[in-house]
C-alpha atoms as a PDB file:
ATOM      1  CA  UNK A   1     -57.731-106.203 -19.543  1.00  0.00           C
ATOM      2  CA  UNK A   2     -54.334-104.738 -20.266  1.00  0.00           C
ATOM      3  CA  UNK A   3     -54.512-101.401 -22.036  1.00  0.00           C
ATOM      4  CA  UNK A   4     -52.105-102.293 -24.821  1.00  0.00           C
ATOM      5  CA  UNK A   5     -50.941-105.623 -26.182  1.00  0.00           C
ATOM      6  CA  UNK A   6     -48.755-104.659 -29.099  1.00  0.00           C
ATOM      7  CA  UNK A   7     -46.394-106.536 -31.378  1.00  0.00           C
ATOM      8  CA  UNK A   8     -44.099-104.720 -33.761  1.00  0.00           C
ATOM      9  CA  UNK A   9     -43.978-106.319 -37.165  1.00  0.00           C
ATOM     10  CA  UNK A  10     -40.290-106.863 -37.867  1.00  0.00           C
ATOM     11  CA  UNK A  11     -40.099-110.173 -39.689  1.00  0.00           C
ATOM     12  CA  UNK A  12     -37.766-109.487 -42.611  1.00  0.00           C
ATOM     13  CA  UNK A  13     -38.633-112.840 -44.147  1.00  0.00           C
ATOM     14  CA  UNK A  14     -42.187-111.556 -44.623  1.00  0.00           C
ATOM     15  CA  UNK A  15     -41.526-107.887 -45.292  1.00  0.00           C
ATOM     16  CA  UNK A  16     -38.988-108.485 -48.043  1.00  0.00           C
ATOM     17  CA  UNK A  17     -41.087-110.962 -49.978  1.00  0.00           C
ATOM     18  CA  UNK A  18     -44.421-110.739 -51.723  1.00  0.00           C
ATOM     19  CA  UNK A  19     -46.679-113.728 -51.243  1.00  0.00           C
ATOM     20  CA  UNK A  20     -49.106-114.288 -54.057  1.00  0.00           C
ATOM     21  CA  UNK A  21     -52.620-114.986 -52.886  1.00  0.00           C
ATOM     22  CA  UNK A  22     -55.344-116.050 -55.285  1.00  0.00           C
ATOM     23  CA  UNK A  23     -58.020-113.676 -54.000  1.00  0.00           C
ATOM     24  CA  UNK A  24     -60.598-115.084 -56.404  1.00  0.00           C
ATOM     25  CA  UNK A  25     -60.332-118.365 -54.530  1.00  0.00           C
ATOM     26  CA  UNK A  26     -61.494-116.753 -51.285  1.00  0.00           C
ATOM     27  CA  UNK A  27     -65.071-117.610 -52.168  1.00  0.00           C
ATOM     28  CA  UNK A  28     -64.246-121.148 -53.261  1.00  0.00           C
ATOM     29  CA  UNK A  29     -62.726-122.690 -50.135  1.00  0.00           C
ATOM     30  CA  UNK A  30     -59.199-122.511 -51.555  1.00  0.00           C
ATOM     31  CA  UNK A  31     -56.380-120.133 -50.704  1.00  0.00           C
ATOM     32  CA  UNK A  32     -53.043-120.393 -52.479  1.00  0.00           C
ATOM     33  CA  UNK A  33     -49.748-119.384 -50.843  1.00  0.00           C
ATOM     34  CA  UNK A  34     -46.064-119.730 -51.510  1.00  0.00           C
ATOM     35  CA  UNK A  35     -45.438-122.968 -49.568  1.00  0.00           C
ATOM     36  CA  UNK A  36     -41.990-121.851 -48.339  1.00  0.00           C
ATOM     37  CA  UNK A  37     -43.660-119.583 -45.801  1.00  0.00           C
ATOM     38  CA  UNK A  38     -44.543-122.638 -43.714  1.00  0.00           C
ATOM     39  CA  UNK A  39     -40.878-123.656 -43.373  1.00  0.00           C
ATOM     40  CA  UNK A  40     -39.760-120.583 -41.465  1.00  0.00           C
ATOM     41  CA  UNK A  41     -39.034-121.335 -37.787  1.00  0.00           C
ATOM     42  CA  UNK A  42     -39.053-117.612 -37.007  1.00  0.00           C
ATOM     43  CA  UNK A  43     -42.558-117.188 -38.383  1.00  0.00           C
ATOM     44  CA  UNK A  44     -43.673-120.382 -36.650  1.00  0.00           C
ATOM     45  CA  UNK A  45     -42.573-118.962 -33.277  1.00  0.00           C
ATOM     46  CA  UNK A  46     -44.171-115.607 -34.054  1.00  0.00           C
ATOM     47  CA  UNK A  47     -47.539-117.183 -34.886  1.00  0.00           C
ATOM     48  CA  UNK A  48     -47.365-119.374 -31.782  1.00  0.00           C
ATOM     49  CA  UNK A  49     -46.828-116.274 -29.615  1.00  0.00           C
ATOM     50  CA  UNK A  50     -49.801-114.561 -31.236  1.00  0.00           C
ATOM     51  CA  UNK A  51     -52.022-117.589 -30.625  1.00  0.00           C
ATOM     52  CA  UNK A  52     -50.943-117.690 -26.980  1.00  0.00           C
ATOM     53  CA  UNK A  53     -51.831-114.001 -26.647  1.00  0.00           C
ATOM     54  CA  UNK A  54     -55.291-114.613 -28.078  1.00  0.00           C
ATOM     55  CA  UNK A  55     -55.913-117.481 -25.691  1.00  0.00           C
ATOM     56  CA  UNK A  56     -54.796-115.561 -22.605  1.00  0.00           C
ATOM     57  CA  UNK A  57     -55.848-111.968 -23.351  1.00  0.00           C
ATOM     58  CA  UNK A  58     -58.463-112.265 -26.130  1.00  0.00           C
ATOM     59  CA  UNK A  59     -56.865-109.640 -28.373  1.00  0.00           C
ATOM     60  CA  UNK A  60     -53.645-108.163 -29.685  1.00  0.00           C
ATOM     61  CA  UNK A  61     -52.427-105.309 -31.902  1.00  0.00           C
ATOM     62  CA  UNK A  62     -49.691-105.613 -34.505  1.00  0.00           C
ATOM     63  CA  UNK A  63     -48.099-102.274 -35.361  1.00  0.00           C
ATOM     64  CA  UNK A  64     -46.624-101.490 -38.774  1.00  0.00           C
ATOM     65  CA  UNK A  65     -47.830-104.660 -40.446  1.00  0.00           C
ATOM     66  CA  UNK A  66     -48.463-102.827 -43.716  1.00  0.00           C
ATOM     67  CA  UNK A  67     -51.382-102.588 -46.113  1.00  0.00           C
ATOM     68  CA  UNK A  68     -50.742-105.654 -48.258  1.00  0.00           C
ATOM     69  CA  UNK A  69     -53.991-107.611 -48.548  1.00  0.00           C
ATOM     70  CA  UNK A  70     -51.956-110.684 -49.557  1.00  0.00           C
ATOM     71  CA  UNK A  71     -49.980-110.626 -46.321  1.00  0.00           C
ATOM     72  CA  UNK A  72     -53.129-109.963 -44.276  1.00  0.00           C
ATOM     73  CA  UNK A  73     -54.839-113.051 -45.705  1.00  0.00           C
ATOM     74  CA  UNK A  74     -51.661-115.014 -45.111  1.00  0.00           C
ATOM     75  CA  UNK A  75     -51.470-113.928 -41.459  1.00  0.00           C
ATOM     76  CA  UNK A  76     -55.042-115.091 -40.857  1.00  0.00           C
ATOM     77  CA  UNK A  77     -54.387-118.378 -42.595  1.00  0.00           C
ATOM     78  CA  UNK A  78     -51.279-118.984 -40.483  1.00  0.00           C
ATOM     79  CA  UNK A  79     -53.261-118.272 -37.324  1.00  0.00           C
ATOM     80  CA  UNK A  80     -56.015-120.666 -38.348  1.00  0.00           C
ATOM     81  CA  UNK A  81     -56.815-122.879 -41.324  1.00  0.00           C
ATOM     82  CA  UNK A  82     -60.482-122.575 -40.322  1.00  0.00           C
ATOM     83  CA  UNK A  83     -61.408-119.283 -41.916  1.00  0.00           C
ATOM     84  CA  UNK A  84     -64.988-118.081 -41.562  1.00  0.00           C
ATOM     85  CA  UNK A  85     -67.038-117.833 -44.748  1.00  0.00           C
ATOM     86  CA  UNK A  86     -69.888-115.316 -44.665  1.00  0.00           C
ATOM     87  CA  UNK A  87     -72.809-116.818 -46.529  1.00  0.00           C
ATOM     88  CA  UNK A  88     -74.664-113.494 -46.446  1.00  0.00           C
ATOM     89  CA  UNK A  89     -71.857-111.662 -48.242  1.00  0.00           C
ATOM     90  CA  UNK A  90     -70.414-114.790 -49.935  1.00  0.00           C
ATOM     91  CA  UNK A  91     -66.854-113.868 -48.933  1.00  0.00           C
ATOM     92  CA  UNK A  92     -63.995-114.700 -46.602  1.00  0.00           C
ATOM     93  CA  UNK A  93     -62.347-111.285 -46.954  1.00  0.00           C
ATOM     94  CA  UNK A  94     -64.425-108.129 -46.422  1.00  0.00           C
ATOM     95  CA  UNK A  95     -63.096-104.771 -47.590  1.00  0.00           C
ATOM     96  CA  UNK A  96     -65.124-101.756 -46.526  1.00  0.00           C
ATOM     97  CA  UNK A  97     -65.029 -97.955 -46.358  1.00  0.00           C
ATOM     98  CA  UNK A  98     -67.180 -95.547 -44.397  1.00  0.00           C
ATOM     99  CA  UNK A  99     -69.858 -93.917 -46.547  1.00  0.00           C
ATOM    100  CA  UNK A 100     -72.562 -91.283 -46.269  1.00  0.00           C
ATOM    101  CA  UNK A 101     -75.324 -93.498 -47.689  1.00  0.00           C
ATOM    102  CA  UNK A 102     -75.108 -97.193 -46.869  1.00  0.00           C
ATOM    103  CA  UNK A 103     -77.162-100.091 -45.577  1.00  0.00           C
ATOM    104  CA  UNK A 104     -74.123-101.815 -44.025  1.00  0.00           C
ATOM    105  CA  UNK A 105     -73.415-101.154 -40.345  1.00  0.00           C
ATOM    106  CA  UNK A 106     -69.657-101.477 -40.926  1.00  0.00           C
ATOM    107  CA  UNK A 107     -69.793 -98.566 -43.395  1.00  0.00           C
ATOM    108  CA  UNK A 108     -71.904 -96.134 -41.360  1.00  0.00           C
ATOM    109  CA  UNK A 109     -70.501 -92.820 -40.159  1.00  0.00           C
ATOM    110  CA  UNK A 110     -72.389 -92.884 -36.858  1.00  0.00           C
ATOM    111  CA  UNK A 111     -71.006 -94.767 -33.894  1.00  0.00           C
ATOM    112  CA  UNK A 112     -72.090 -98.391 -33.729  1.00  0.00           C
ATOM    113  CA  UNK A 113     -73.411-100.268 -30.714  1.00  0.00           C
ATOM    114  CA  UNK A 114     -71.456-102.814 -28.702  1.00  0.00           C
ATOM    115  CA  UNK A 115     -71.922-106.253 -30.241  1.00  0.00           C
ATOM    116  CA  UNK A 116     -70.510-109.575 -31.309  1.00  0.00           C
ATOM    117  CA  UNK A 117     -70.415-110.368 -35.035  1.00  0.00           C
ATOM    118  CA  UNK A 118     -72.969-112.749 -36.561  1.00  0.00           C
ATOM    119  CA  UNK A 119     -74.881-112.823 -33.272  1.00  0.00           C
ATOM    120  CA  UNK A 120     -78.031-114.142 -34.971  1.00  0.00           C
ATOM    121  CA  UNK A 121     -76.381-117.239 -36.417  1.00  0.00           C
ATOM    122  CA  UNK A 122     -75.970-120.605 -34.705  1.00  0.00           C
ATOM    123  CA  UNK A 123     -72.272-120.858 -35.580  1.00  0.00           C
ATOM    124  CA  UNK A 124     -70.210-117.701 -35.023  1.00  0.00           C
ATOM    125  CA  UNK A 125     -66.464-117.198 -35.609  1.00  0.00           C
ATOM    126  CA  UNK A 126     -64.097-117.186 -32.656  1.00  0.00           C
ATOM    127  CA  UNK A 127     -62.007-114.196 -33.721  1.00  0.00           C
ATOM    128  CA  UNK A 128     -62.247-111.036 -35.834  1.00  0.00           C
ATOM    129  CA  UNK A 129     -59.228-109.683 -37.682  1.00  0.00           C
ATOM    130  CA  UNK A 130     -58.980-106.059 -38.872  1.00  0.00           C
ATOM    131  CA  UNK A 131     -56.352-104.407 -41.070  1.00  0.00           C
ATOM    132  CA  UNK A 132     -56.335-100.609 -41.280  1.00  0.00           C
ATOM    133  CA  UNK A 133     -55.755 -99.528 -44.889  1.00  0.00           C
ATOM    134  CA  UNK A 134     -56.683 -95.859 -44.425  1.00  0.00           C
ATOM    135  CA  UNK A 135     -57.294 -93.951 -41.214  1.00  0.00           C
ATOM    136  CA  UNK A 136     -60.271 -91.671 -40.643  1.00  0.00           C
ATOM    137  CA  UNK A 137     -59.779 -88.139 -42.061  1.00  0.00           C
ATOM    138  CA  UNK A 138     -60.151 -86.879 -38.465  1.00  0.00           C
ATOM    139  CA  UNK A 139     -57.599 -89.421 -37.157  1.00  0.00           C
ATOM    140  CA  UNK A 140     -56.824 -89.939 -34.316  1.00  0.00           C
ATOM    141  CA  UNK A 141     -60.017 -88.423 -32.903  1.00  0.00           C
ATOM    142  CA  UNK A 142     -62.569 -90.323 -35.000  1.00  0.00           C
ATOM    143  CA  UNK A 143     -62.711 -93.871 -36.349  1.00  0.00           C
ATOM    144  CA  UNK A 144     -61.622 -95.435 -33.068  1.00  0.00           C
ATOM    145  CA  UNK A 145     -62.341 -98.994 -31.918  1.00  0.00           C
ATOM    146  CA  UNK A 146     -63.637-100.050 -28.501  1.00  0.00           C
ATOM    147  CA  UNK A 147     -63.406-103.476 -26.869  1.00  0.00           C
ATOM    148  CA  UNK A 148     -64.624-104.707 -23.481  1.00  0.00           C
ATOM    149  CA  UNK A 149     -64.323-108.019 -21.652  1.00  0.00           C
ATOM    150  CA  UNK A 150     -67.600-109.969 -21.300  1.00  0.00           C
ATOM    151  CA  UNK A 151     -66.571-111.417 -17.932  1.00  0.00           C
ATOM    152  CA  UNK A 152     -65.989-107.909 -16.552  1.00  0.00           C
ATOM    153  CA  UNK A 153     -69.497-106.856 -17.636  1.00  0.00           C
ATOM    154  CA  UNK A 154     -70.971-109.981 -16.054  1.00  0.00           C
ATOM    155  CA  UNK A 155     -69.147-109.492 -12.741  1.00  0.00           C
ATOM    156  CA  UNK A 156     -70.184-105.845 -12.384  1.00  0.00           C
ATOM    157  CA  UNK A 157     -73.818-106.782 -12.981  1.00  0.00           C
ATOM    158  CA  UNK A 158     -73.457-109.352 -10.202  1.00  0.00           C
ATOM    159  CA  UNK A 159     -71.692-107.146  -7.672  1.00  0.00           C
ATOM    160  CA  UNK A 160     -72.983-103.651  -8.347  1.00  0.00           C
ATOM    161  CA  UNK A 161     -76.608-104.482  -9.113  1.00  0.00           C
ATOM    162  CA  UNK A 162     -76.984-107.602  -6.957  1.00  0.00           C
ATOM    163  CA  UNK A 163     -78.094-109.753  -9.886  1.00  0.00           C
ATOM    164  CA  UNK A 164     -77.673-113.519  -9.771  1.00  0.00           C
ATOM    165  CA  UNK A 165     -75.818-115.811 -12.148  1.00  0.00           C
ATOM    166  CA  UNK A 166     -79.057-117.710 -12.685  1.00  0.00           C
ATOM    167  CA  UNK A 167     -80.870-114.549 -13.792  1.00  0.00           C
ATOM    168  CA  UNK A 168     -78.105-113.416 -16.169  1.00  0.00           C
ATOM    169  CA  UNK A 169     -77.672-116.861 -17.721  1.00  0.00           C
ATOM    170  CA  UNK A 170     -81.406-117.364 -18.257  1.00  0.00           C
ATOM    171  CA  UNK A 171     -82.519-113.914 -19.426  1.00  0.00           C
ATOM    172  CA  UNK A 172     -83.079-113.405 -23.172  1.00  0.00           C
ATOM    173  CA  UNK A 173     -83.286-110.238 -25.270  1.00  0.00           C
ATOM    174  CA  UNK A 174     -85.711-109.597 -28.168  1.00  0.00           C
ATOM    175  CA  UNK A 175     -84.648-108.849 -31.741  1.00  0.00           C
ATOM    176  CA  UNK A 176     -87.325-108.105 -34.332  1.00  0.00           C
ATOM    177  CA  UNK A 177     -86.819-108.559 -38.070  1.00  0.00           C
ATOM    178  CA  UNK A 178     -89.905-107.838 -40.118  1.00  0.00           C
ATOM    179  CA  UNK A 179     -92.811-109.633 -38.475  1.00  0.00           C
ATOM    180  CA  UNK A 180     -90.606-112.079 -36.577  1.00  0.00           C
ATOM    181  CA  UNK A 181     -89.099-111.581 -33.119  1.00  0.00           C
ATOM    182  CA  UNK A 182     -86.346-113.879 -31.888  1.00  0.00           C
ATOM    183  CA  UNK A 183     -85.039-114.103 -28.324  1.00  0.00           C
ATOM    184  CA  UNK A 184     -81.337-114.604 -27.637  1.00  0.00           C
ATOM    185  CA  UNK A 185     -79.463-115.043 -24.394  1.00  0.00           C
ATOM    186  CA  UNK A 186     -76.695-112.439 -24.074  1.00  0.00           C
ATOM    187  CA  UNK A 187     -74.620-114.454 -21.569  1.00  0.00           C
ATOM    188  CA  UNK A 188     -73.209-117.957 -21.646  1.00  0.00           C
ATOM    189  CA  UNK A 189     -70.823-119.538 -19.178  1.00  0.00           C
ATOM    190  CA  UNK A 190     -68.034-121.922 -20.161  1.00  0.00           C
ATOM    191  CA  UNK A 191     -65.304-123.677 -18.188  1.00  0.00           C
ATOM    192  CA  UNK A 192     -63.256-121.793 -15.578  1.00  0.00           C
ATOM    193  CA  UNK A 193     -66.039-119.207 -15.153  1.00  0.00           C
ATOM    194  CA  UNK A 194     -65.242-117.511 -18.442  1.00  0.00           C
ATOM    195  CA  UNK A 195     -68.256-115.662 -19.790  1.00  0.00           C
ATOM    196  CA  UNK A 196     -69.152-115.714 -23.454  1.00  0.00           C
ATOM    197  CA  UNK A 197     -71.583-113.216 -24.974  1.00  0.00           C
ATOM    198  CA  UNK A 198     -73.806-113.052 -28.035  1.00  0.00           C
ATOM    199  CA  UNK A 199     -75.465-109.647 -28.409  1.00  0.00           C
ATOM    200  CA  UNK A 200     -76.052-106.680 -30.699  1.00  0.00           C
ATOM    201  CA  UNK A 201     -77.185-103.747 -28.571  1.00  0.00           C
ATOM    202  CA  UNK A 202     -78.197-101.621 -31.562  1.00  0.00           C
ATOM    203  CA  UNK A 203     -80.666-104.260 -32.766  1.00  0.00           C
ATOM    204  CA  UNK A 204     -82.374-105.093 -29.461  1.00  0.00           C
ATOM    205  CA  UNK A 205     -86.112-104.391 -29.762  1.00  0.00           C
ATOM    206  CA  UNK A 206     -86.553-102.329 -26.599  1.00  0.00           C
ATOM    207  CA  UNK A 207     -90.313-102.059 -27.216  1.00  0.00           C
ATOM    208  CA  UNK A 208     -90.620-105.742 -26.321  1.00  0.00           C
ATOM    209  CA  UNK A 209     -88.633-105.631 -23.096  1.00  0.00           C
ATOM    210  CA  UNK A 210     -90.539-106.914 -20.073  1.00  0.00           C
ATOM    211  CA  UNK A 211     -90.542-106.093 -16.379  1.00  0.00           C
ATOM    212  CA  UNK A 212     -87.848-108.704 -15.804  1.00  0.00           C
ATOM    213  CA  UNK A 213     -85.499-106.738 -18.079  1.00  0.00           C
ATOM    214  CA  UNK A 214     -85.486-103.660 -15.827  1.00  0.00           C
ATOM    215  CA  UNK A 215     -83.214-103.154 -12.836  1.00  0.00           C
ATOM    216  CA  UNK A 216     -83.877-100.026 -10.782  1.00  0.00           C
ATOM    217  CA  UNK A 217     -85.962 -98.706 -13.712  1.00  0.00           C
ATOM    218  CA  UNK A 218     -83.034 -99.091 -16.130  1.00  0.00           C
ATOM    219  CA  UNK A 219     -83.108-101.775 -18.804  1.00  0.00           C
ATOM    220  CA  UNK A 220     -80.502-104.524 -18.719  1.00  0.00           C
ATOM    221  CA  UNK A 221     -79.586-103.483 -22.276  1.00  0.00           C
ATOM    222  CA  UNK A 222     -78.694 -99.955 -21.193  1.00  0.00           C
ATOM    223  CA  UNK A 223     -76.815-101.254 -18.148  1.00  0.00           C
ATOM    224  CA  UNK A 224     -74.679-103.443 -20.423  1.00  0.00           C
ATOM    225  CA  UNK A 225     -74.125-100.488 -22.751  1.00  0.00           C
ATOM    226  CA  UNK A 226     -73.089 -98.063 -20.002  1.00  0.00           C
ATOM    227  CA  UNK A 227     -70.846-100.608 -18.270  1.00  0.00           C
ATOM    228  CA  UNK A 228     -69.227-101.323 -21.627  1.00  0.00           C
ATOM    229  CA  UNK A 229     -68.618 -97.626 -22.292  1.00  0.00           C
ATOM    230  CA  UNK A 230     -67.066 -97.260 -18.854  1.00  0.00           C
ATOM    231  CA  UNK A 231     -64.798-100.295 -19.076  1.00  0.00           C
ATOM    232  CA  UNK A 232     -63.916-100.297 -22.767  1.00  0.00           C
ATOM    233  CA  UNK A 233     -60.350-100.120 -23.992  1.00  0.00           C
ATOM    234  CA  UNK A 234     -60.143 -97.332 -26.570  1.00  0.00           C
ATOM    235  CA  UNK A 235     -57.966 -98.185 -29.581  1.00  0.00           C
ATOM    236  CA  UNK A 236     -56.911 -96.107 -32.557  1.00  0.00           C
ATOM    237  CA  UNK A 237     -55.349 -97.979 -35.467  1.00  0.00           C
ATOM    238  CA  UNK A 238     -52.641 -96.386 -37.567  1.00  0.00           C
ATOM    239  CA  UNK A 239     -52.440 -97.145 -41.264  1.00  0.00           C
ATOM    240  CA  UNK A 240     -50.993-100.647 -41.606  1.00  0.00           C
ATOM    241  CA  UNK A 241     -51.936-101.799 -38.085  1.00  0.00           C
ATOM    242  CA  UNK A 242     -53.696-105.089 -37.328  1.00  0.00           C
ATOM    243  CA  UNK A 243     -56.228-105.675 -34.540  1.00  0.00           C
ATOM    244  CA  UNK A 244     -57.420-109.203 -33.758  1.00  0.00           C
ATOM    245  CA  UNK A 245     -60.084-109.693 -31.079  1.00  0.00           C
ATOM    246  CA  UNK A 246     -62.222-112.454 -29.619  1.00  0.00           C
ATOM    247  CA  UNK A 247     -65.759-112.490 -30.993  1.00  0.00           C
ATOM    248  CA  UNK A 248     -67.053-114.410 -27.973  1.00  0.00           C
ATOM    249  CA  UNK A 249     -65.225-113.156 -24.890  1.00  0.00           C
ATOM    250  CA  UNK A 250     -65.157-109.480 -25.920  1.00  0.00           C
ATOM    251  CA  UNK A 251     -67.757-107.007 -27.122  1.00  0.00           C
ATOM    252  CA  UNK A 252     -66.611-104.447 -29.655  1.00  0.00           C
ATOM    253  CA  UNK A 253     -67.838-101.371 -31.448  1.00  0.00           C
ATOM    254  CA  UNK A 254     -66.586 -98.622 -33.714  1.00  0.00           C
ATOM    255  CA  UNK A 255     -66.799 -94.964 -32.839  1.00  0.00           C
ATOM    256  CA  UNK A 256     -68.033 -92.128 -35.051  1.00  0.00           C
ATOM    257  CA  UNK A 257     -66.311 -91.670 -38.416  1.00  0.00           C
ATOM    258  CA  UNK A 258     -65.958 -88.829 -40.922  1.00  0.00           C
ATOM    259  CA  UNK A 259     -65.482 -88.377 -44.664  1.00  0.00           C
ATOM    260  CA  UNK A 260     -63.245 -85.927 -46.511  1.00  0.00           C
ATOM    261  CA  UNK A 261     -65.514 -85.036 -49.440  1.00  0.00           C
ATOM    262  CA  UNK A 262     -62.956 -82.672 -50.971  1.00  0.00           C
ATOM    263  CA  UNK A 263     -60.260 -85.328 -51.351  1.00  0.00           C
ATOM    264  CA  UNK A 264     -62.691 -88.277 -51.435  1.00  0.00           C
ATOM    265  CA  UNK A 265     -61.052 -90.025 -48.490  1.00  0.00           C
ATOM    266  CA  UNK A 266     -62.565 -92.153 -45.732  1.00  0.00           C
ATOM    267  CA  UNK A 267     -61.617 -94.867 -43.273  1.00  0.00           C
ATOM    268  CA  UNK A 268     -60.939 -98.203 -45.000  1.00  0.00           C
ATOM    269  CA  UNK A 269     -60.310-101.633 -43.519  1.00  0.00           C
ATOM    270  CA  UNK A 270     -59.976-105.279 -44.445  1.00  0.00           C
ATOM    271  CA  UNK A 271     -61.604-107.816 -42.166  1.00  0.00           C
ATOM    272  CA  UNK A 272     -61.544-111.574 -41.849  1.00  0.00           C
ATOM    273  CA  UNK A 273     -62.806-113.986 -39.215  1.00  0.00           C
ATOM    274  CA  UNK A 274     -61.665-117.399 -38.125  1.00  0.00           C
ATOM    275  CA  UNK A 275     -62.055-120.287 -35.693  1.00  0.00           C
ATOM    276  CA  UNK A 276     -59.446-121.723 -33.330  1.00  0.00           C
END
């Protein structure tokens, strides 16, 4: 994985105009834009380049995009008309801040675990889009993002620990919710030996791991976690930056965050997800 894939946002035709988005429609399967945006050849080429980058490298960063929610929704819509609707939250667009007391993982101050979003659902979005509205009060040291390639994790488990493809593609991990435990395979293989993952390390019920889950007395879960920490690309987003990542070919997590209680400031982002 290349350390930095960055695009500077310099499209005057977008920066000098305000596109009205009906945000209320985001929960009603309708998004309204100024139709002239679709007639710009410059923007068409720009979006095509971004799509190519996603297909070949699984992520990109756009610097200096700005904090307009309207333009963020528009960017996602131009990248894909198939936006992901979260039934749990009943939204397309998720705005969140880090908080001291919260039940949402995205808002916690502690570092999260490596995962893919919506891992427990049958249909998961292909890509995750993040817009940084406010940096962490301890920026650039806290509030960082980490991403790691699933194929790299898979290959190290094969070569370093002498595991087989058959083992990795058949093994399942336990997740317990209430009185119910479900088992999910962390690894899937698609064409051209690309590895797809579906996992949430923080939610794995380690009390239900079996002998088959341990390699040299270390659980497969912890091996995946440590390999991910070792290989991960460490990203810090400036205010107005965009990060778009694969939700299938990459694992991601957020590092520890802080809150400025004196000035009532904390890290704030917009997020959307989509299919391609």
